[in-house]
Amino acid sequence: GGLLRAFAMCGKEGGIVLILLNFDEELSAQVKVDGVPLPAVREGEAAVMRREWILTAEALTSQMVHANGKVLSQDIFGVIDNVVDLFVTREANSSITLPPHSIAFAHVNTTDPRCPRINSSSSSSSSSS
């Protein structure tokens, strides 16, 4: 206990972003995503999905990091691979497995009105929904 941290916030594209940290050196953690208002799914439609990125390392001080199993590398200028494209998709209400020494980021599209899509246009313009 005490080695798992969880944070939730509204995403820039709407929906909810979860940030989960497992500081344990040996044990994995299962986090159930529950209570998130999801869009209704009609019979025959695919389930609502989430995008998920899990970053892992052998130790908290490791210089080698994996994103969903792929080793991240940097170029001679120190620019790291584009992690944004390395997501996996899972059913939105399925559990998230965090291996030891990991950080998970998950984006869930939701119908929660508290997390609408943020308009990327100027803040001085009127918003339209």
Foldseek 3Di string as FASTA:
>chain_A
DPQKDKDWDFDQQFFIKIKIWGQDLADKDKAFDDDFAADDDDPPGDAFKKWKWKKADNHLPDPWIDTVRHTWDADPVRDIPDSVVVTDMDHNRGIDMHGHGMMMIMGGHHPPPVHHHNDPDDPPDDDDD
